[in-house]
Amino acid sequence: MGETLQLAKGRSSMGEPNSYDEIKEHVEHGKGVATVYAASLRDAEGAGRLTSSINVKISRSLEQRGLGHVPFAASALPTSQWDLVRVFDKTSPLGQVLLAAHTVGEDSDERLRETVDGQAAVLLDQVRTLLT
């Protein structure tokens, strides 16, 4: 029944998203990040198979929706439908960290430092709360 319900919603039998709207929803439910099979991206693009030129189209389609992908370069996206791709919301805090970690420069370095320092402050506050 569950598999039938997923098929009725337009998902593959594996429960993988197969449209860009579903992929975006999957990312939102994942708090800004989700890992999908390359086949999901292929299906969202409406392609028969994954090729370098299809991967460029996939990358552009994700970009238009404010989404990024890992591997970051379209040329590095897999051509095997069974390989995994991380898709992320570029505007989410996690997406900003992924982009900062991939971008070389002082601004990106500062973003990474702020993220780590912010986490340390939260943990310290939690420890203080436990001790009081």
N, C-alpha and C. Protein backbone atom coordinates (compact mmCIF):
# COMPACT_ATOMS: atom_id res chain seq x y z
N MET A 1 0.82 -1.19 0.00
CA MET A 1 0.00 0.00 0.00
C MET A 1 0.87 1.26 0.00
N GLY A 2 1.91 1.30 0.88
CA GLY A 2 2.77 2.47 0.94
C GLY A 2 3.46 2.75 -0.38
N GLU A 3 3.94 1.67 -1.02
CA GLU A 3 4.60 1.83 -2.31
C GLU A 3 3.62 2.34 -3.35
N THR A 4 2.39 1.83 -3.33
CA THR A 4 1.37 2.28 -4.26
C THR A 4 1.06 3.76 -4.04
N LEU A 5 0.98 4.16 -2.77
CA LEU A 5 0.72 5.56 -2.46
C LEU A 5 1.84 6.44 -2.99
N GLN A 6 3.08 5.99 -2.82
CA GLN A 6 4.21 6.77 -3.33
C GLN A 6 4.14 6.87 -4.85
N LEU A 7 3.79 5.78 -5.50
CA LEU A 7 3.68 5.82 -6.96
C LEU A 7 2.58 6.78 -7.39
N ALA A 8 1.50 6.80 -6.65
CA ALA A 8 0.39 7.70 -6.98
C ALA A 8 0.80 9.15 -6.85
N LYS A 9 1.74 9.44 -5.97
CA LYS A 9 2.22 10.81 -5.79
C LYS A 9 3.28 11.19 -6.81
N GLY A 10 3.61 10.28 -7.73
CA GLY A 10 4.59 10.60 -8.76
C GLY A 10 6.00 10.25 -8.38
N ARG A 11 6.16 9.37 -7.41
CA ARG A 11 7.50 8.97 -7.00
C ARG A 11 7.80 7.58 -7.54
N SER A 12 9.06 7.29 -7.67
CA SER A 12 9.46 5.98 -8.15
C SER A 12 9.17 4.94 -7.07
N SER A 13 9.30 3.69 -7.42
CA SER A 13 9.03 2.63 -6.46
C SER A 13 10.00 2.67 -5.28
N MET A 14 11.15 3.33 -5.43
CA MET A 14 12.11 3.45 -4.33
C MET A 14 11.75 4.61 -3.41
N GLY A 15 10.73 5.38 -3.75
CA GLY A 15 10.38 6.54 -2.94
C GLY A 15 11.22 7.75 -3.23
N GLU A 16 11.99 7.70 -4.27
CA GLU A 16 12.85 8.82 -4.64
C GLU A 16 12.03 9.91 -5.35
N PRO A 17 12.37 11.16 -5.12
CA PRO A 17 11.69 12.24 -5.85
C PRO A 17 12.05 12.17 -7.33
N ASN A 18 11.10 12.53 -8.20
CA ASN A 18 11.41 12.48 -9.63
C ASN A 18 10.99 13.73 -10.39
N SER A 19 10.79 14.83 -9.66
CA SER A 19 10.57 16.12 -10.30
C SER A 19 11.35 17.15 -9.49
N TYR A 20 11.61 18.30 -10.09
CA TYR A 20 12.36 19.32 -9.37
C TYR A 20 11.58 19.83 -8.16
N ASP A 21 10.26 19.91 -8.27
CA ASP A 21 9.46 20.32 -7.11
C ASP A 21 9.60 19.32 -5.97
N GLU A 22 9.59 18.03 -6.30
CA GLU A 22 9.74 17.00 -5.27
C GLU A 22 11.14 17.02 -4.67
N ILE A 23 12.14 17.27 -5.49
CA ILE A 23 13.51 17.35 -4.99
C ILE A 23 13.63 18.53 -4.04
N LYS A 24 13.06 19.66 -4.41
CA LYS A 24 13.11 20.84 -3.54
C LYS A 24 12.39 20.55 -2.22
N GLU A 25 11.27 19.89 -2.30
CA GLU A 25 10.52 19.51 -1.09
C GLU A 25 11.36 18.56 -0.22
N HIS A 26 12.03 17.63 -0.86
CA HIS A 26 12.90 16.69 -0.17
C HIS A 26 14.02 17.44 0.56
N VAL A 27 14.59 18.44 -0.07
CA VAL A 27 15.64 19.26 0.54
C VAL A 27 15.07 20.05 1.72
N GLU A 28 13.89 20.62 1.55
CA GLU A 28 13.26 21.38 2.63
C GLU A 28 13.00 20.49 3.85
N HIS A 29 12.52 19.27 3.61
CA HIS A 29 12.28 18.34 4.71
C HIS A 29 13.59 17.91 5.38
N GLY A 30 14.67 17.98 4.64
CA GLY A 30 15.99 17.63 5.17
C GLY A 30 16.70 18.81 5.79
N LYS A 31 15.98 19.88 6.08
CA LYS A 31 16.53 21.08 6.71
C LYS A 31 17.63 21.72 5.86
N GLY A 32 17.44 21.67 4.55
CA GLY A 32 18.36 22.36 3.66
C GLY A 32 19.28 21.47 2.86
N VAL A 33 19.21 20.15 3.09
CA VAL A 33 20.10 19.25 2.37
C VAL A 33 19.45 17.87 2.23
N ALA A 34 19.69 17.22 1.10
CA ALA A 34 19.21 15.86 0.88
C ALA A 34 20.13 15.18 -0.12
N THR A 35 20.26 13.88 0.03
CA THR A 35 21.03 13.08 -0.91
C THR A 35 20.07 12.26 -1.74
N VAL A 36 20.22 12.34 -3.06
CA VAL A 36 19.33 11.62 -3.97
C VAL A 36 20.16 10.83 -4.97
N TYR A 37 19.53 9.84 -5.55
CA TYR A 37 20.18 9.12 -6.65
C TYR A 37 20.22 10.03 -7.87
N ALA A 38 21.26 9.88 -8.66
CA ALA A 38 21.37 10.65 -9.89
C ALA A 38 20.17 10.39 -10.80
N ALA A 39 19.57 9.21 -10.69
CA ALA A 39 18.38 8.88 -11.48
C ALA A 39 17.24 9.86 -11.19
N SER A 40 17.12 10.32 -9.96
CA SER A 40 16.08 11.30 -9.63
C SER A 40 16.28 12.60 -10.39
N LEU A 41 17.53 13.02 -10.48
CA LEU A 41 17.84 14.26 -11.22
C LEU A 41 17.59 14.06 -12.71
N ARG A 42 17.97 12.90 -13.22
CA ARG A 42 17.71 12.57 -14.62
C ARG A 42 16.21 12.61 -14.91
N ASP A 43 15.42 11.98 -14.04
CA ASP A 43 13.97 11.95 -14.23
C ASP A 43 13.37 13.35 -14.15
N ALA A 44 13.87 14.15 -13.21
CA ALA A 44 13.37 15.52 -13.07
C ALA A 44 13.63 16.32 -14.34
N GLU A 45 14.75 16.04 -14.97
CA GLU A 45 15.10 16.75 -16.21
C GLU A 45 14.35 16.19 -17.41
N GLY A 46 13.75 15.00 -17.25
CA GLY A 46 13.01 14.37 -18.34
C GLY A 46 13.93 13.75 -19.37
N ALA A 47 15.11 13.36 -18.92
CA ALA A 47 16.10 12.78 -19.83
C ALA A 47 16.03 11.25 -19.81
N GLY A 48 16.48 10.64 -20.87
CA GLY A 48 16.51 9.19 -20.97
C GLY A 48 17.72 8.59 -20.28
N ARG A 49 18.83 9.32 -20.33
CA ARG A 49 20.04 8.84 -19.67
C ARG A 49 20.89 10.02 -19.25
N LEU A 50 21.82 9.77 -18.36
CA LEU A 50 22.70 10.81 -17.85
C LEU A 50 23.93 10.94 -18.74
N THR A 51 24.15 12.14 -19.22
CA THR A 51 25.33 12.45 -20.02
C THR A 51 25.90 13.77 -19.52
N SER A 52 27.04 14.13 -19.99
CA SER A 52 27.64 15.40 -19.59
C SER A 52 26.73 16.59 -19.92
N SER A 53 26.13 16.57 -21.10
CA SER A 53 25.26 17.69 -21.48
C SER A 53 23.98 17.71 -20.65
N ILE A 54 23.45 16.55 -20.30
CA ILE A 54 22.26 16.49 -19.44
C ILE A 54 22.62 17.01 -18.05
N ASN A 55 23.82 16.67 -17.57
CA ASN A 55 24.24 17.14 -16.25
C ASN A 55 24.36 18.66 -16.20
N VAL A 56 24.78 19.28 -17.27
CA VAL A 56 24.82 20.74 -17.33
C VAL A 56 23.39 21.30 -17.21
N LYS A 57 22.44 20.68 -17.90
CA LYS A 57 21.04 21.11 -17.80
C LYS A 57 20.49 20.91 -16.39
N ILE A 58 20.83 19.78 -15.78
CA ILE A 58 20.40 19.51 -14.40
C ILE A 58 20.94 20.59 -13.47
N SER A 59 22.22 20.91 -13.61
CA SER A 59 22.84 21.93 -12.77
C SER A 59 22.14 23.27 -12.93
N ARG A 60 21.83 23.65 -14.15
CA ARG A 60 21.14 24.92 -14.41
C ARG A 60 19.73 24.90 -13.82
N SER A 61 19.04 23.77 -13.96
CA SER A 61 17.68 23.66 -13.43
C SER A 61 17.66 23.77 -11.92
N LEU A 62 18.63 23.15 -11.27
CA LEU A 62 18.73 23.26 -9.82
C LEU A 62 19.03 24.70 -9.42
N GLU A 63 19.97 25.32 -10.13
CA GLU A 63 20.35 26.72 -9.86
C GLU A 63 19.14 27.65 -9.95
N GLN A 64 18.29 27.45 -10.95
CA GLN A 64 17.10 28.27 -11.12
C GLN A 64 16.15 28.17 -9.94
N ARG A 65 16.25 27.09 -9.19
CA ARG A 65 15.39 26.87 -8.03
C ARG A 65 16.10 27.19 -6.71
N GLY A 66 17.29 27.79 -6.81
CA GLY A 66 18.04 28.15 -5.62
C GLY A 66 18.75 26.98 -4.96
N LEU A 67 18.93 25.90 -5.73
CA LEU A 67 19.56 24.70 -5.21
C LEU A 67 20.96 24.50 -5.79
N GLY A 68 21.82 23.94 -4.99
CA GLY A 68 23.15 23.58 -5.43
C GLY A 68 23.32 22.08 -5.34
N HIS A 69 24.47 21.59 -5.76
CA HIS A 69 24.72 20.16 -5.73
C HIS A 69 26.18 19.86 -5.43
N VAL A 70 26.40 18.68 -4.86
CA VAL A 70 27.74 18.15 -4.62
C VAL A 70 27.78 16.79 -5.27
N PRO A 71 28.71 16.57 -6.22
CA PRO A 71 29.82 17.43 -6.59
C PRO A 71 29.35 18.78 -7.15
N PHE A 72 30.20 19.79 -6.90
CA PHE A 72 29.84 21.17 -7.24
C PHE A 72 29.84 21.45 -8.74
N ALA A 73 30.78 20.90 -9.46
CA ALA A 73 30.88 21.18 -10.90
C ALA A 73 29.92 20.27 -11.68
N ALA A 74 29.22 20.86 -12.64
CA ALA A 74 28.30 20.06 -13.47
C ALA A 74 29.06 18.93 -14.16
N SER A 75 30.30 19.21 -14.54
CA SER A 75 31.10 18.19 -15.24
C SER A 75 31.46 17.02 -14.33
N ALA A 76 31.34 17.21 -13.02
CA ALA A 76 31.67 16.14 -12.08
C ALA A 76 30.44 15.36 -11.61
N LEU A 77 29.25 15.81 -12.04
CA LEU A 77 28.04 15.05 -11.68
C LEU A 77 28.12 13.67 -12.31
N PRO A 78 27.59 12.67 -11.64
CA PRO A 78 27.72 11.29 -12.14
C PRO A 78 26.89 11.02 -13.39
N THR A 79 27.35 10.06 -14.16
CA THR A 79 26.59 9.59 -15.31
C THR A 79 25.98 8.22 -15.04
N SER A 80 26.18 7.71 -13.84
CA SER A 80 25.52 6.47 -13.42
C SER A 80 24.30 6.83 -12.58
N GLN A 81 23.18 6.26 -12.93
CA GLN A 81 21.94 6.57 -12.22
C GLN A 81 21.98 6.13 -10.76
N TRP A 82 22.88 5.23 -10.41
CA TRP A 82 22.95 4.70 -9.05
C TRP A 82 23.86 5.50 -8.14
N ASP A 83 24.60 6.45 -8.69
CA ASP A 83 25.46 7.28 -7.85
C ASP A 83 24.62 8.30 -7.10
N LEU A 84 25.15 8.74 -5.98
CA LEU A 84 24.43 9.69 -5.13
C LEU A 84 24.92 11.12 -5.38
N VAL A 85 23.99 12.05 -5.23
CA VAL A 85 24.28 13.48 -5.37
C VAL A 85 23.66 14.19 -4.17
N ARG A 86 24.42 15.04 -3.54
CA ARG A 86 23.87 15.86 -2.46
C ARG A 86 23.29 17.13 -3.09
N VAL A 87 22.04 17.41 -2.76
CA VAL A 87 21.37 18.62 -3.24
C VAL A 87 21.10 19.48 -2.01
N PHE A 88 21.36 20.78 -2.13
CA PHE A 88 21.17 21.66 -0.98
C PHE A 88 20.58 23.00 -1.38
N ASP A 89 19.92 23.61 -0.42
CA ASP A 89 19.34 24.94 -0.59
C ASP A 89 20.44 25.96 -0.35
N LYS A 90 20.78 26.72 -1.36
CA LYS A 90 21.88 27.67 -1.26
C LYS A 90 21.62 28.77 -0.24
N THR A 91 20.35 29.03 0.07
CA THR A 91 20.02 30.11 1.00
C THR A 91 19.93 29.63 2.45
N SER A 92 19.94 28.33 2.67
CA SER A 92 19.84 27.81 4.04
C SER A 92 21.18 27.97 4.76
N PRO A 93 21.16 27.97 6.09
CA PRO A 93 22.43 28.05 6.82
C PRO A 93 23.39 26.94 6.43
N LEU A 94 22.87 25.74 6.27
CA LEU A 94 23.73 24.63 5.88
C LEU A 94 24.28 24.82 4.46
N GLY A 95 23.43 25.33 3.57
CA GLY A 95 23.87 25.61 2.21
C GLY A 95 24.97 26.66 2.17
N GLN A 96 24.84 27.68 3.03
CA GLN A 96 25.86 28.72 3.10
C GLN A 96 27.20 28.14 3.58
N VAL A 97 27.12 27.19 4.51
CA VAL A 97 28.35 26.56 5.00
C VAL A 97 28.98 25.70 3.90
N LEU A 98 28.15 24.94 3.18
CA LEU A 98 28.68 24.12 2.08
C LEU A 98 29.36 25.00 1.04
N LEU A 99 28.73 26.10 0.68
CA LEU A 99 29.33 27.00 -0.30
C LEU A 99 30.61 27.63 0.23
N ALA A 100 30.59 28.03 1.50
CA ALA A 100 31.79 28.64 2.09
C ALA A 100 32.95 27.65 2.14
N ALA A 101 32.65 26.39 2.45
CA ALA A 101 33.70 25.38 2.52
C ALA A 101 34.31 25.11 1.14
N HIS A 102 33.55 25.37 0.11
CA HIS A 102 34.01 25.10 -1.25
C HIS A 102 34.66 26.32 -1.91
N THR A 103 34.41 27.50 -1.35
CA THR A 103 34.90 28.74 -1.95
C THR A 103 36.13 29.23 -1.19
N VAL A 104 37.19 29.46 -1.90
CA VAL A 104 38.43 29.92 -1.28
C VAL A 104 38.40 31.44 -1.18
N GLY A 105 38.69 31.96 -0.01
CA GLY A 105 38.74 33.40 0.19
C GLY A 105 38.47 33.76 1.64
N GLU A 106 38.87 34.96 2.01
CA GLU A 106 38.74 35.41 3.40
C GLU A 106 37.28 35.46 3.86
N ASP A 107 36.38 35.91 2.99
CA ASP A 107 34.96 35.96 3.38
C ASP A 107 34.43 34.57 3.70
N SER A 108 34.79 33.60 2.89
CA SER A 108 34.37 32.23 3.13
C SER A 108 35.02 31.67 4.39
N ASP A 109 36.28 32.00 4.60
CA ASP A 109 36.96 31.56 5.82
C ASP A 109 36.24 32.11 7.05
N GLU A 110 35.86 33.36 6.98
CA GLU A 110 35.17 34.00 8.11
C GLU A 110 33.82 33.34 8.36
N ARG A 111 33.11 33.03 7.31
CA ARG A 111 31.82 32.34 7.44
C ARG A 111 31.99 31.00 8.15
N LEU A 112 33.01 30.27 7.80
CA LEU A 112 33.29 28.99 8.45
C LEU A 112 33.65 29.18 9.91
N ARG A 113 34.48 30.19 10.20
CA ARG A 113 34.85 30.47 11.60
C ARG A 113 33.61 30.82 12.42
N GLU A 114 32.75 31.67 11.85
CA GLU A 114 31.53 32.06 12.56
C GLU A 114 30.64 30.85 12.85
N THR A 115 30.57 29.94 11.91
CA THR A 115 29.74 28.75 12.09
C THR A 115 30.28 27.90 13.24
N VAL A 116 31.57 27.69 13.24
CA VAL A 116 32.17 26.87 14.30
C VAL A 116 32.08 27.59 15.64
N ASP A 117 32.39 28.89 15.67
CA ASP A 117 32.31 29.65 16.91
C ASP A 117 30.88 29.68 17.44
N GLY A 118 29.92 29.80 16.53
CA GLY A 118 28.50 29.81 16.93
C GLY A 118 28.10 28.49 17.55
N GLN A 119 28.56 27.40 16.99
CA GLN A 119 28.26 26.08 17.54
C GLN A 119 28.90 25.93 18.91
N ALA A 120 30.11 26.40 19.06
CA ALA A 120 30.80 26.30 20.34
C ALA A 120 30.05 27.10 21.40
N ALA A 121 29.54 28.27 21.04
CA ALA A 121 28.79 29.09 21.99
C ALA A 121 27.50 28.39 22.42
N VAL A 122 26.82 27.77 21.48
CA VAL A 122 25.58 27.04 21.80
C VAL A 122 25.88 25.89 22.75
N LEU A 123 26.93 25.13 22.45
CA LEU A 123 27.30 24.01 23.32
C LEU A 123 27.70 24.49 24.72
N LEU A 124 28.43 25.58 24.79
CA LEU A 124 28.83 26.14 26.08
C LEU A 124 27.60 26.56 26.88
N ASP A 125 26.64 27.20 26.23
CA ASP A 125 25.40 27.59 26.91
C ASP A 125 24.65 26.37 27.42
N GLN A 126 24.62 25.30 26.64
CA GLN A 126 23.95 24.08 27.07
C GLN A 126 24.64 23.47 28.29
N VAL A 127 25.96 23.46 28.30
CA VAL A 127 26.71 22.94 29.43
C VAL A 127 26.43 23.79 30.67
N ARG A 128 26.43 25.11 30.52
CA ARG A 128 26.16 26.00 31.65
C ARG A 128 24.77 25.73 32.21
N THR A 129 23.80 25.54 31.34
CA THR A 129 22.43 25.26 31.78
C THR A 129 22.37 23.96 32.56
N LEU A 130 23.08 22.95 32.11
CA LEU A 130 23.09 21.66 32.80
C LEU A 130 23.75 21.77 34.18
N LEU A 131 24.76 22.62 34.31
CA LEU A 131 25.49 22.74 35.55
C LEU A 131 24.79 23.62 36.59
N THR A 132 23.83 24.41 36.16
CA THR A 132 23.13 25.29 37.11
C THR A 132 21.83 24.70 37.60
